[in-house]
N, C-alpha and C. Protein backbone atom coordinates (compact mmCIF):
# COMPACT_ATOMS: atom_id res chain seq x y z
N MET A 1 23.01 -60.92 -1.80
CA MET A 1 22.11 -60.72 -0.68
C MET A 1 20.69 -61.12 -1.09
N LEU A 2 19.99 -61.78 -0.18
CA LEU A 2 18.65 -62.28 -0.43
C LEU A 2 17.63 -61.15 -0.42
N ASN A 3 16.73 -61.15 -1.41
CA ASN A 3 15.65 -60.17 -1.45
C ASN A 3 14.44 -60.80 -0.74
N TRP A 4 14.18 -60.36 0.49
CA TRP A 4 13.14 -60.97 1.32
C TRP A 4 11.76 -60.86 0.68
N SER A 5 11.50 -59.78 -0.04
CA SER A 5 10.16 -59.58 -0.59
C SER A 5 9.80 -60.58 -1.68
N THR A 6 10.79 -61.27 -2.23
CA THR A 6 10.52 -62.25 -3.29
C THR A 6 10.41 -63.68 -2.74
N CYS A 7 10.68 -63.85 -1.46
CA CYS A 7 10.63 -65.17 -0.84
C CYS A 7 9.19 -65.54 -0.49
N ASP A 8 8.87 -66.82 -0.56
CA ASP A 8 7.54 -67.23 -0.10
C ASP A 8 7.55 -67.35 1.42
N ASP A 9 6.36 -67.47 2.01
CA ASP A 9 6.24 -67.51 3.47
C ASP A 9 7.05 -68.65 4.09
N LYS A 10 7.03 -69.81 3.45
CA LYS A 10 7.73 -70.98 4.01
C LYS A 10 9.22 -70.70 4.15
N LEU A 11 9.80 -70.11 3.13
CA LEU A 11 11.23 -69.78 3.18
C LEU A 11 11.51 -68.71 4.23
N LEU A 12 10.64 -67.70 4.29
CA LEU A 12 10.80 -66.64 5.29
C LEU A 12 10.72 -67.20 6.71
N VAL A 13 9.78 -68.10 6.93
CA VAL A 13 9.65 -68.71 8.26
C VAL A 13 10.92 -69.47 8.60
N GLY A 14 11.44 -70.22 7.66
CA GLY A 14 12.68 -70.97 7.89
C GLY A 14 13.83 -70.05 8.29
N TYR A 15 13.98 -68.94 7.58
CA TYR A 15 15.04 -67.98 7.92
C TYR A 15 14.76 -67.31 9.26
N ALA A 16 13.50 -66.97 9.52
CA ALA A 16 13.14 -66.33 10.79
C ALA A 16 13.42 -67.27 11.96
N GLN A 17 13.16 -68.55 11.78
CA GLN A 17 13.43 -69.53 12.84
C GLN A 17 14.92 -69.66 13.11
N LYS A 18 15.74 -69.30 12.14
CA LYS A 18 17.19 -69.34 12.32
C LYS A 18 17.73 -68.02 12.84
N GLY A 19 16.83 -67.06 13.14
CA GLY A 19 17.26 -65.81 13.76
C GLY A 19 17.38 -64.61 12.84
N HIS A 20 16.92 -64.73 11.59
CA HIS A 20 16.98 -63.60 10.67
C HIS A 20 15.78 -62.67 10.92
N ALA A 21 16.03 -61.57 11.61
CA ALA A 21 14.96 -60.64 11.98
C ALA A 21 14.29 -60.03 10.75
N LYS A 22 15.05 -59.80 9.68
CA LYS A 22 14.46 -59.20 8.49
C LYS A 22 13.45 -60.14 7.82
N ALA A 23 13.67 -61.43 7.95
CA ALA A 23 12.70 -62.38 7.39
C ALA A 23 11.38 -62.27 8.13
N PHE A 24 11.43 -62.17 9.47
CA PHE A 24 10.20 -62.04 10.23
C PHE A 24 9.55 -60.68 9.96
N SER A 25 10.36 -59.63 9.80
CA SER A 25 9.83 -58.31 9.47
C SER A 25 9.05 -58.34 8.15
N GLU A 26 9.53 -59.11 7.20
CA GLU A 26 8.83 -59.25 5.92
C GLU A 26 7.51 -59.98 6.11
N LEU A 27 7.49 -60.99 6.97
CA LEU A 27 6.24 -61.69 7.27
C LEU A 27 5.22 -60.74 7.90
N VAL A 28 5.68 -59.90 8.81
CA VAL A 28 4.81 -58.91 9.44
C VAL A 28 4.27 -57.95 8.39
N ARG A 29 5.16 -57.42 7.55
CA ARG A 29 4.73 -56.48 6.51
C ARG A 29 3.69 -57.12 5.59
N ARG A 30 3.91 -58.35 5.26
CA ARG A 30 3.06 -59.07 4.31
C ARG A 30 1.67 -59.38 4.88
N HIS A 31 1.59 -59.65 6.17
CA HIS A 31 0.33 -60.13 6.76
C HIS A 31 -0.34 -59.13 7.70
N HIS A 32 0.28 -58.00 7.94
CA HIS A 32 -0.24 -57.07 8.96
C HIS A 32 -1.67 -56.63 8.70
N MET A 33 -2.00 -56.21 7.50
CA MET A 33 -3.34 -55.67 7.24
C MET A 33 -4.43 -56.73 7.42
N ARG A 34 -4.17 -57.96 6.99
CA ARG A 34 -5.17 -59.02 7.16
C ARG A 34 -5.39 -59.33 8.65
N ILE A 35 -4.32 -59.34 9.41
CA ILE A 35 -4.45 -59.61 10.84
C ILE A 35 -5.13 -58.44 11.54
N PHE A 36 -4.80 -57.22 11.14
CA PHE A 36 -5.48 -56.05 11.70
C PHE A 36 -6.98 -56.11 11.42
N HIS A 37 -7.36 -56.40 10.16
CA HIS A 37 -8.78 -56.46 9.80
C HIS A 37 -9.50 -57.59 10.54
N THR A 38 -8.81 -58.68 10.75
CA THR A 38 -9.39 -59.77 11.53
C THR A 38 -9.69 -59.29 12.95
N ALA A 39 -8.70 -58.65 13.57
CA ALA A 39 -8.88 -58.15 14.94
C ALA A 39 -9.98 -57.09 14.99
N PHE A 40 -10.00 -56.21 14.00
CA PHE A 40 -11.03 -55.17 13.97
C PHE A 40 -12.42 -55.78 13.84
N GLY A 41 -12.54 -56.79 13.00
CA GLY A 41 -13.82 -57.46 12.85
C GLY A 41 -14.27 -58.13 14.14
N MET A 42 -13.32 -58.54 14.96
CA MET A 42 -13.66 -59.21 16.22
C MET A 42 -13.97 -58.22 17.34
N VAL A 43 -13.23 -57.09 17.41
CA VAL A 43 -13.39 -56.20 18.57
C VAL A 43 -14.04 -54.86 18.25
N GLY A 44 -14.08 -54.47 16.97
CA GLY A 44 -14.82 -53.28 16.57
C GLY A 44 -14.20 -51.95 16.94
N ASN A 45 -12.92 -51.92 17.23
CA ASN A 45 -12.27 -50.68 17.61
C ASN A 45 -10.86 -50.65 17.03
N ARG A 46 -10.53 -49.56 16.34
CA ARG A 46 -9.25 -49.48 15.63
C ARG A 46 -8.05 -49.58 16.56
N GLU A 47 -8.06 -48.84 17.66
CA GLU A 47 -6.91 -48.85 18.56
C GLU A 47 -6.70 -50.23 19.19
N ASP A 48 -7.80 -50.84 19.65
CA ASP A 48 -7.68 -52.17 20.23
C ASP A 48 -7.25 -53.18 19.17
N ALA A 49 -7.79 -53.06 17.97
CA ALA A 49 -7.42 -53.98 16.89
C ALA A 49 -5.95 -53.85 16.55
N ASP A 50 -5.43 -52.63 16.54
CA ASP A 50 -4.01 -52.41 16.27
C ASP A 50 -3.16 -53.06 17.36
N ASP A 51 -3.56 -52.86 18.62
CA ASP A 51 -2.84 -53.48 19.73
C ASP A 51 -2.88 -55.01 19.64
N LEU A 52 -4.05 -55.54 19.29
CA LEU A 52 -4.20 -56.99 19.20
C LEU A 52 -3.43 -57.58 18.03
N ALA A 53 -3.35 -56.84 16.93
CA ALA A 53 -2.55 -57.30 15.79
C ALA A 53 -1.07 -57.35 16.20
N GLN A 54 -0.61 -56.32 16.88
CA GLN A 54 0.78 -56.33 17.37
C GLN A 54 1.02 -57.48 18.33
N LEU A 55 0.07 -57.70 19.23
CA LEU A 55 0.19 -58.81 20.17
C LEU A 55 0.26 -60.15 19.45
N ALA A 56 -0.56 -60.31 18.42
CA ALA A 56 -0.55 -61.55 17.64
C ALA A 56 0.82 -61.79 17.02
N PHE A 57 1.44 -60.74 16.48
CA PHE A 57 2.77 -60.90 15.88
C PHE A 57 3.82 -61.17 16.95
N ILE A 58 3.70 -60.56 18.11
CA ILE A 58 4.64 -60.83 19.21
C ILE A 58 4.53 -62.29 19.62
N LYS A 59 3.30 -62.78 19.79
CA LYS A 59 3.11 -64.18 20.17
C LYS A 59 3.61 -65.12 19.08
N ALA A 60 3.38 -64.74 17.82
CA ALA A 60 3.87 -65.56 16.72
C ALA A 60 5.40 -65.62 16.75
N PHE A 61 6.04 -64.49 16.98
CA PHE A 61 7.50 -64.46 17.05
C PHE A 61 8.01 -65.31 18.20
N GLN A 62 7.36 -65.19 19.36
CA GLN A 62 7.79 -65.94 20.54
C GLN A 62 7.62 -67.45 20.37
N SER A 63 6.64 -67.86 19.59
CA SER A 63 6.41 -69.30 19.43
C SER A 63 6.76 -69.81 18.03
N LEU A 64 7.50 -69.00 17.28
CA LEU A 64 7.86 -69.38 15.91
C LEU A 64 8.63 -70.70 15.86
N HIS A 65 9.42 -70.97 16.89
CA HIS A 65 10.18 -72.22 16.92
C HIS A 65 9.26 -73.45 16.98
N GLN A 66 7.99 -73.26 17.39
CA GLN A 66 7.04 -74.36 17.47
C GLN A 66 6.30 -74.59 16.15
N PHE A 67 6.39 -73.64 15.23
CA PHE A 67 5.70 -73.78 13.94
C PHE A 67 6.44 -74.83 13.11
N ARG A 68 5.69 -75.88 12.72
CA ARG A 68 6.29 -77.00 11.99
C ARG A 68 5.91 -77.04 10.52
N GLY A 69 5.10 -76.10 10.08
CA GLY A 69 4.73 -76.06 8.67
C GLY A 69 3.65 -77.05 8.29
N GLN A 70 2.90 -77.57 9.28
CA GLN A 70 1.82 -78.50 8.97
C GLN A 70 0.61 -77.78 8.39
N SER A 71 0.57 -76.47 8.54
CA SER A 71 -0.44 -75.64 7.91
C SER A 71 0.29 -74.45 7.29
N LEU A 72 -0.44 -73.61 6.58
CA LEU A 72 0.17 -72.39 6.06
C LEU A 72 0.51 -71.47 7.22
N PHE A 73 1.54 -70.67 7.07
CA PHE A 73 1.90 -69.70 8.10
C PHE A 73 0.72 -68.76 8.36
N SER A 74 0.04 -68.34 7.30
CA SER A 74 -1.09 -67.41 7.46
C SER A 74 -2.20 -68.03 8.28
N THR A 75 -2.47 -69.32 8.10
CA THR A 75 -3.49 -70.02 8.88
C THR A 75 -3.10 -70.03 10.35
N TRP A 76 -1.86 -70.36 10.63
CA TRP A 76 -1.34 -70.38 11.99
C TRP A 76 -1.45 -68.98 12.61
N LEU A 77 -1.13 -67.96 11.85
CA LEU A 77 -1.19 -66.58 12.32
C LEU A 77 -2.63 -66.13 12.59
N TYR A 78 -3.57 -66.53 11.73
CA TYR A 78 -4.98 -66.22 11.98
C TYR A 78 -5.44 -66.83 13.29
N ARG A 79 -5.03 -68.08 13.55
CA ARG A 79 -5.43 -68.74 14.80
C ARG A 79 -4.91 -67.97 16.01
N ILE A 80 -3.67 -67.53 15.95
CA ILE A 80 -3.09 -66.74 17.04
C ILE A 80 -3.88 -65.45 17.21
N SER A 81 -4.21 -64.80 16.10
CA SER A 81 -4.96 -63.55 16.15
C SER A 81 -6.34 -63.74 16.77
N ILE A 82 -7.05 -64.76 16.32
CA ILE A 82 -8.39 -65.05 16.86
C ILE A 82 -8.29 -65.32 18.37
N ASN A 83 -7.30 -66.11 18.77
CA ASN A 83 -7.12 -66.41 20.21
C ASN A 83 -6.84 -65.15 21.01
N CYS A 84 -6.01 -64.26 20.47
CA CYS A 84 -5.73 -62.98 21.16
C CYS A 84 -7.02 -62.18 21.33
N CYS A 85 -7.83 -62.15 20.29
CA CYS A 85 -9.10 -61.40 20.35
C CYS A 85 -10.06 -62.01 21.35
N LEU A 86 -10.17 -63.34 21.34
CA LEU A 86 -11.07 -64.00 22.30
C LEU A 86 -10.61 -63.76 23.73
N ASP A 87 -9.30 -63.81 23.97
CA ASP A 87 -8.76 -63.53 25.30
C ASP A 87 -9.06 -62.09 25.71
N TRP A 88 -8.92 -61.16 24.76
CA TRP A 88 -9.20 -59.75 25.03
C TRP A 88 -10.68 -59.55 25.39
N ILE A 89 -11.56 -60.19 24.62
CA ILE A 89 -13.00 -60.06 24.89
C ILE A 89 -13.31 -60.57 26.29
N LYS A 90 -12.74 -61.72 26.65
CA LYS A 90 -12.97 -62.26 28.00
C LYS A 90 -12.42 -61.32 29.07
N SER A 91 -11.24 -60.75 28.82
CA SER A 91 -10.64 -59.85 29.82
C SER A 91 -11.46 -58.57 29.98
N GLN A 92 -12.07 -58.10 28.90
CA GLN A 92 -12.91 -56.90 29.00
C GLN A 92 -14.14 -57.18 29.83
N ARG A 93 -14.70 -58.36 29.66
CA ARG A 93 -15.87 -58.73 30.46
C ARG A 93 -15.50 -58.79 31.94
N ARG A 94 -14.35 -59.39 32.24
CA ARG A 94 -13.91 -59.46 33.65
C ARG A 94 -13.53 -58.09 34.18
N LYS A 95 -12.86 -57.31 33.35
CA LYS A 95 -12.37 -56.00 33.77
C LYS A 95 -13.52 -55.09 34.19
N TYR A 96 -14.56 -55.06 33.39
CA TYR A 96 -15.68 -54.17 33.67
C TYR A 96 -16.82 -54.87 34.40
N ASP A 97 -16.72 -56.22 34.47
CA ASP A 97 -17.74 -57.02 35.12
C ASP A 97 -19.14 -56.63 34.66
N VAL A 98 -19.25 -56.37 33.36
CA VAL A 98 -20.54 -56.04 32.77
C VAL A 98 -20.66 -56.78 31.44
N LYS A 99 -21.89 -56.95 31.00
CA LYS A 99 -22.12 -57.52 29.68
C LYS A 99 -21.77 -56.45 28.65
N MET A 100 -20.99 -56.80 27.65
CA MET A 100 -20.66 -55.84 26.60
C MET A 100 -21.82 -55.83 25.61
N ASP A 101 -22.77 -54.95 25.84
CA ASP A 101 -23.96 -54.88 25.02
C ASP A 101 -23.76 -53.92 23.85
N ASP A 102 -24.84 -53.65 23.12
CA ASP A 102 -24.77 -52.76 21.95
C ASP A 102 -24.17 -51.41 22.30
N GLU A 103 -24.57 -50.87 23.44
CA GLU A 103 -24.09 -49.54 23.83
C GLU A 103 -22.57 -49.55 24.03
N TRP A 104 -22.06 -50.60 24.67
CA TRP A 104 -20.61 -50.70 24.89
C TRP A 104 -19.88 -50.74 23.56
N TRP A 105 -20.36 -51.59 22.63
CA TRP A 105 -19.70 -51.71 21.34
C TRP A 105 -19.82 -50.41 20.54
N PHE A 106 -20.95 -49.73 20.67
CA PHE A 106 -21.13 -48.46 19.97
C PHE A 106 -20.09 -47.45 20.44
N ARG A 107 -19.85 -47.41 21.76
CA ARG A 107 -18.84 -46.48 22.29
C ARG A 107 -17.44 -46.86 21.80
N GLN A 108 -17.21 -48.15 21.56
CA GLN A 108 -15.89 -48.60 21.12
C GLN A 108 -15.61 -48.27 19.66
N ALA A 109 -16.67 -48.22 18.86
CA ALA A 109 -16.49 -47.98 17.42
C ALA A 109 -15.90 -46.60 17.20
N ASP A 110 -14.92 -46.51 16.31
CA ASP A 110 -14.26 -45.22 16.12
C ASP A 110 -14.29 -44.72 14.68
N GLY A 111 -15.15 -45.27 13.86
CA GLY A 111 -15.29 -44.73 12.51
C GLY A 111 -14.64 -45.53 11.41
N GLU A 112 -14.00 -46.65 11.74
CA GLU A 112 -13.40 -47.48 10.69
C GLU A 112 -14.48 -48.28 9.98
N ALA A 113 -14.30 -48.50 8.69
CA ALA A 113 -15.25 -49.33 7.94
C ALA A 113 -15.07 -50.78 8.33
N LEU A 114 -16.16 -51.45 8.67
CA LEU A 114 -16.09 -52.85 9.04
C LEU A 114 -15.88 -53.71 7.80
N PHE A 115 -16.66 -53.43 6.78
CA PHE A 115 -16.46 -54.08 5.50
C PHE A 115 -16.23 -52.98 4.47
N ALA A 116 -15.28 -53.19 3.58
CA ALA A 116 -14.95 -52.15 2.61
C ALA A 116 -16.17 -51.86 1.74
N GLY A 117 -16.31 -50.61 1.35
CA GLY A 117 -17.46 -50.23 0.54
C GLY A 117 -17.13 -49.05 -0.33
N PRO A 118 -18.11 -48.52 -1.04
CA PRO A 118 -17.89 -47.40 -1.94
C PRO A 118 -17.39 -46.17 -1.18
N LYS A 119 -16.57 -45.38 -1.83
CA LYS A 119 -15.97 -44.21 -1.21
C LYS A 119 -16.59 -42.91 -1.71
N ARG A 120 -17.60 -42.99 -2.59
CA ARG A 120 -18.19 -41.76 -3.10
C ARG A 120 -18.86 -40.99 -1.97
N THR A 121 -18.89 -39.68 -2.05
CA THR A 121 -19.43 -38.81 -1.02
C THR A 121 -20.86 -39.16 -0.66
N ASP A 122 -21.71 -39.44 -1.65
CA ASP A 122 -23.13 -39.69 -1.38
C ASP A 122 -23.36 -40.99 -0.62
N TYR A 123 -22.34 -41.83 -0.48
CA TYR A 123 -22.49 -43.07 0.28
C TYR A 123 -21.91 -42.98 1.69
N ARG A 124 -21.24 -41.89 2.02
CA ARG A 124 -20.56 -41.82 3.32
C ARG A 124 -21.50 -41.96 4.50
N VAL A 125 -22.63 -41.30 4.46
CA VAL A 125 -23.59 -41.40 5.56
C VAL A 125 -24.13 -42.82 5.66
N GLU A 126 -24.48 -43.41 4.51
CA GLU A 126 -25.00 -44.78 4.50
C GLU A 126 -23.95 -45.75 5.01
N GLN A 127 -22.69 -45.57 4.59
CA GLN A 127 -21.61 -46.45 5.05
C GLN A 127 -21.40 -46.32 6.54
N SER A 128 -21.48 -45.10 7.06
CA SER A 128 -21.32 -44.88 8.49
C SER A 128 -22.42 -45.59 9.27
N GLU A 129 -23.67 -45.47 8.80
CA GLU A 129 -24.79 -46.14 9.46
C GLU A 129 -24.64 -47.65 9.37
N LEU A 130 -24.25 -48.15 8.20
CA LEU A 130 -24.08 -49.59 8.02
C LEU A 130 -22.97 -50.11 8.92
N ARG A 131 -21.87 -49.38 8.99
CA ARG A 131 -20.74 -49.78 9.84
C ARG A 131 -21.18 -49.89 11.29
N ASP A 132 -21.94 -48.88 11.76
CA ASP A 132 -22.42 -48.90 13.14
C ASP A 132 -23.34 -50.08 13.39
N VAL A 133 -24.23 -50.34 12.46
CA VAL A 133 -25.16 -51.46 12.60
C VAL A 133 -24.39 -52.78 12.62
N LEU A 134 -23.46 -52.97 11.67
CA LEU A 134 -22.69 -54.21 11.63
C LEU A 134 -21.86 -54.42 12.89
N THR A 135 -21.28 -53.33 13.40
CA THR A 135 -20.50 -53.43 14.63
C THR A 135 -21.38 -53.89 15.78
N GLN A 136 -22.57 -53.31 15.88
CA GLN A 136 -23.50 -53.70 16.94
C GLN A 136 -23.96 -55.14 16.77
N VAL A 137 -24.30 -55.51 15.55
CA VAL A 137 -24.82 -56.84 15.30
C VAL A 137 -23.75 -57.90 15.54
N LEU A 138 -22.53 -57.67 15.07
CA LEU A 138 -21.46 -58.63 15.31
C LEU A 138 -21.18 -58.80 16.79
N ALA A 139 -21.29 -57.71 17.55
CA ALA A 139 -21.05 -57.77 18.99
C ALA A 139 -22.07 -58.65 19.69
N ASP A 140 -23.26 -58.77 19.12
CA ASP A 140 -24.31 -59.59 19.72
C ASP A 140 -24.15 -61.07 19.40
N MET A 141 -23.26 -61.40 18.49
CA MET A 141 -23.09 -62.79 18.08
C MET A 141 -22.08 -63.49 18.98
N PRO A 142 -22.25 -64.79 19.19
CA PRO A 142 -21.23 -65.54 19.93
C PRO A 142 -19.88 -65.44 19.22
N PRO A 143 -18.77 -65.43 19.97
CA PRO A 143 -17.45 -65.28 19.36
C PRO A 143 -17.14 -66.31 18.27
N ASN A 144 -17.61 -67.57 18.42
CA ASN A 144 -17.29 -68.56 17.37
C ASN A 144 -18.04 -68.27 16.08
N PHE A 145 -19.23 -67.65 16.15
CA PHE A 145 -19.93 -67.22 14.93
C PHE A 145 -19.23 -66.00 14.34
N ARG A 146 -18.86 -65.07 15.21
CA ARG A 146 -18.20 -63.84 14.77
C ARG A 146 -16.89 -64.16 14.04
N SER A 147 -16.11 -65.08 14.61
CA SER A 147 -14.81 -65.39 14.02
C SER A 147 -14.94 -66.02 12.64
N VAL A 148 -15.91 -66.96 12.45
CA VAL A 148 -16.04 -67.57 11.12
C VAL A 148 -16.54 -66.56 10.10
N LEU A 149 -17.42 -65.65 10.52
CA LEU A 149 -17.89 -64.61 9.60
C LEU A 149 -16.75 -63.68 9.19
N VAL A 150 -15.94 -63.27 10.16
CA VAL A 150 -14.82 -62.38 9.87
C VAL A 150 -13.82 -63.06 8.94
N LEU A 151 -13.49 -64.32 9.24
CA LEU A 151 -12.52 -65.03 8.41
C LEU A 151 -13.04 -65.27 6.99
N ARG A 152 -14.34 -65.57 6.85
CA ARG A 152 -14.90 -65.85 5.53
C ARG A 152 -15.23 -64.57 4.76
N GLU A 153 -15.99 -63.67 5.39
CA GLU A 153 -16.49 -62.50 4.67
C GLU A 153 -15.48 -61.36 4.58
N LEU A 154 -14.68 -61.19 5.60
CA LEU A 154 -13.72 -60.08 5.60
C LEU A 154 -12.39 -60.49 4.98
N ASN A 155 -11.93 -61.71 5.31
CA ASN A 155 -10.62 -62.15 4.84
C ASN A 155 -10.68 -63.09 3.65
N GLY A 156 -11.88 -63.59 3.32
CA GLY A 156 -12.02 -64.43 2.14
C GLY A 156 -11.38 -65.80 2.24
N LEU A 157 -11.23 -66.33 3.44
CA LEU A 157 -10.63 -67.65 3.60
C LEU A 157 -11.60 -68.73 3.12
N SER A 158 -11.02 -69.82 2.64
CA SER A 158 -11.83 -70.97 2.22
C SER A 158 -12.33 -71.71 3.46
N TYR A 159 -13.29 -72.62 3.24
CA TYR A 159 -13.80 -73.42 4.36
C TYR A 159 -12.66 -74.21 5.00
N GLN A 160 -11.80 -74.79 4.18
CA GLN A 160 -10.68 -75.59 4.70
C GLN A 160 -9.73 -74.72 5.52
N GLU A 161 -9.43 -73.51 5.03
CA GLU A 161 -8.55 -72.62 5.78
C GLU A 161 -9.17 -72.22 7.11
N ILE A 162 -10.46 -71.94 7.10
CA ILE A 162 -11.15 -71.57 8.35
C ILE A 162 -11.12 -72.75 9.31
N ALA A 163 -11.34 -73.96 8.80
CA ALA A 163 -11.30 -75.15 9.64
C ALA A 163 -9.93 -75.29 10.30
N SER A 164 -8.88 -75.02 9.55
CA SER A 164 -7.53 -75.08 10.12
C SER A 164 -7.33 -74.03 11.20
N VAL A 165 -7.81 -72.81 10.93
CA VAL A 165 -7.68 -71.73 11.91
C VAL A 165 -8.47 -72.04 13.17
N GLU A 166 -9.70 -72.52 13.00
CA GLU A 166 -10.60 -72.76 14.13
C GLU A 166 -10.34 -74.09 14.82
N GLY A 167 -9.57 -74.96 14.17
CA GLY A 167 -9.29 -76.26 14.77
C GLY A 167 -10.51 -77.18 14.81
N CYS A 168 -11.28 -77.14 13.72
CA CYS A 168 -12.49 -77.97 13.65
C CYS A 168 -12.63 -78.51 12.23
N SER A 169 -13.69 -79.26 11.99
CA SER A 169 -13.90 -79.84 10.66
C SER A 169 -14.53 -78.82 9.71
N VAL A 170 -14.42 -79.09 8.42
CA VAL A 170 -15.06 -78.24 7.40
C VAL A 170 -16.57 -78.23 7.62
N GLY A 171 -17.13 -79.38 7.99
CA GLY A 171 -18.56 -79.46 8.26
C GLY A 171 -18.98 -78.53 9.39
N THR A 172 -18.16 -78.47 10.43
CA THR A 172 -18.45 -77.57 11.55
C THR A 172 -18.39 -76.12 11.10
N VAL A 173 -17.40 -75.80 10.26
CA VAL A 173 -17.30 -74.44 9.73
C VAL A 173 -18.55 -74.09 8.94
N LYS A 174 -18.98 -74.98 8.05
CA LYS A 174 -20.17 -74.72 7.24
C LYS A 174 -21.41 -74.54 8.12
N SER A 175 -21.51 -75.38 9.15
CA SER A 175 -22.64 -75.29 10.07
C SER A 175 -22.62 -73.96 10.81
N ARG A 176 -21.45 -73.57 11.33
CA ARG A 176 -21.33 -72.29 12.05
C ARG A 176 -21.64 -71.12 11.14
N LEU A 177 -21.14 -71.18 9.90
CA LEU A 177 -21.41 -70.09 8.96
C LEU A 177 -22.89 -70.01 8.63
N PHE A 178 -23.51 -71.15 8.42
CA PHE A 178 -24.95 -71.16 8.13
C PHE A 178 -25.72 -70.54 9.29
N ARG A 179 -25.40 -70.97 10.50
CA ARG A 179 -26.09 -70.44 11.67
C ARG A 179 -25.74 -68.98 11.92
N ALA A 180 -24.48 -68.61 11.68
CA ALA A 180 -24.05 -67.21 11.87
C ALA A 180 -24.76 -66.30 10.87
N ARG A 181 -24.87 -66.73 9.62
CA ARG A 181 -25.56 -65.91 8.61
C ARG A 181 -27.04 -65.79 8.92
N ALA A 182 -27.63 -66.89 9.40
CA ALA A 182 -29.06 -66.84 9.78
C ALA A 182 -29.25 -65.86 10.93
N GLN A 183 -28.34 -65.92 11.91
CA GLN A 183 -28.45 -65.00 13.05
C GLN A 183 -28.20 -63.57 12.60
N LEU A 184 -27.25 -63.38 11.68
CA LEU A 184 -26.95 -62.05 11.15
C LEU A 184 -28.19 -61.47 10.47
N ARG A 185 -28.86 -62.28 9.64
CA ARG A 185 -30.09 -61.81 8.97
C ARG A 185 -31.15 -61.43 10.01
N LYS A 186 -31.30 -62.27 11.03
CA LYS A 186 -32.30 -62.02 12.06
C LYS A 186 -31.99 -60.72 12.82
N LEU A 187 -30.70 -60.53 13.17
CA LEU A 187 -30.31 -59.34 13.92
C LEU A 187 -30.38 -58.07 13.06
N LEU A 188 -30.17 -58.22 11.76
CA LEU A 188 -30.22 -57.06 10.87
C LEU A 188 -31.64 -56.67 10.48
N ARG A 189 -32.60 -57.59 10.61
CA ARG A 189 -33.98 -57.34 10.17
C ARG A 189 -34.57 -56.06 10.77
N PRO A 190 -34.45 -55.81 12.10
CA PRO A 190 -35.03 -54.57 12.64
C PRO A 190 -34.40 -53.30 12.05
N PHE A 191 -33.08 -53.36 11.79
CA PHE A 191 -32.40 -52.21 11.22
C PHE A 191 -32.85 -51.98 9.79
N TYR A 192 -33.03 -53.08 9.05
CA TYR A 192 -33.49 -52.98 7.67
C TYR A 192 -34.89 -52.36 7.62
N LYS A 193 -35.76 -52.83 8.50
CA LYS A 193 -37.13 -52.30 8.55
C LYS A 193 -37.12 -50.81 8.88
N ALA A 194 -36.23 -50.41 9.77
CA ALA A 194 -36.15 -48.99 10.14
C ALA A 194 -35.66 -48.15 8.97
N LEU A 195 -34.75 -48.70 8.16
CA LEU A 195 -34.20 -47.95 7.02
C LEU A 195 -35.22 -47.78 5.90
N VAL A 196 -36.05 -48.81 5.68
CA VAL A 196 -37.00 -48.74 4.57
C VAL A 196 -38.33 -48.12 5.00
N ALA A 197 -38.52 -47.89 6.28
CA ALA A 197 -39.80 -47.32 6.77
C ALA A 197 -39.90 -45.85 6.42
């Protein structure tokens, strides 16, 4: 009997495409946390991120027969996840017919760490404040800036991997990251001044 946990993604995808449910279950187990963190970085809410991660895997399963292996499975899965998040963001705007401003994102935040940090007790208050600020600041960024920041800073993807996920050139990724980081610094400046005042 095949030990699914020792198979690489390419082999698992091949078996999953042939109808082996356990192979796809192993892919889900292997990639779930990264896809969840991607969704959380995009929407800022644990429950919505969990739902969106599940949706991404459902869509991946439904379209697995279309995956040809021209990119890594993880890259393909990130693209599906980002698309699910972008669709969700658009649907929320239509649903409430309001701009999702800082206050909306603040209400959505539920206490999850946006970026991992120290767990010592004396840092908990600082981490909570930082998480709230980052959630608010990311919400103010255009989705294409937010997605490249999440993929690079949260998931550690290379420029080439991000380009594959985003469907653009490496140069475009570098440009978006440069502009996203500049905007992030600009948006964080008032919070930084308030902290050091």
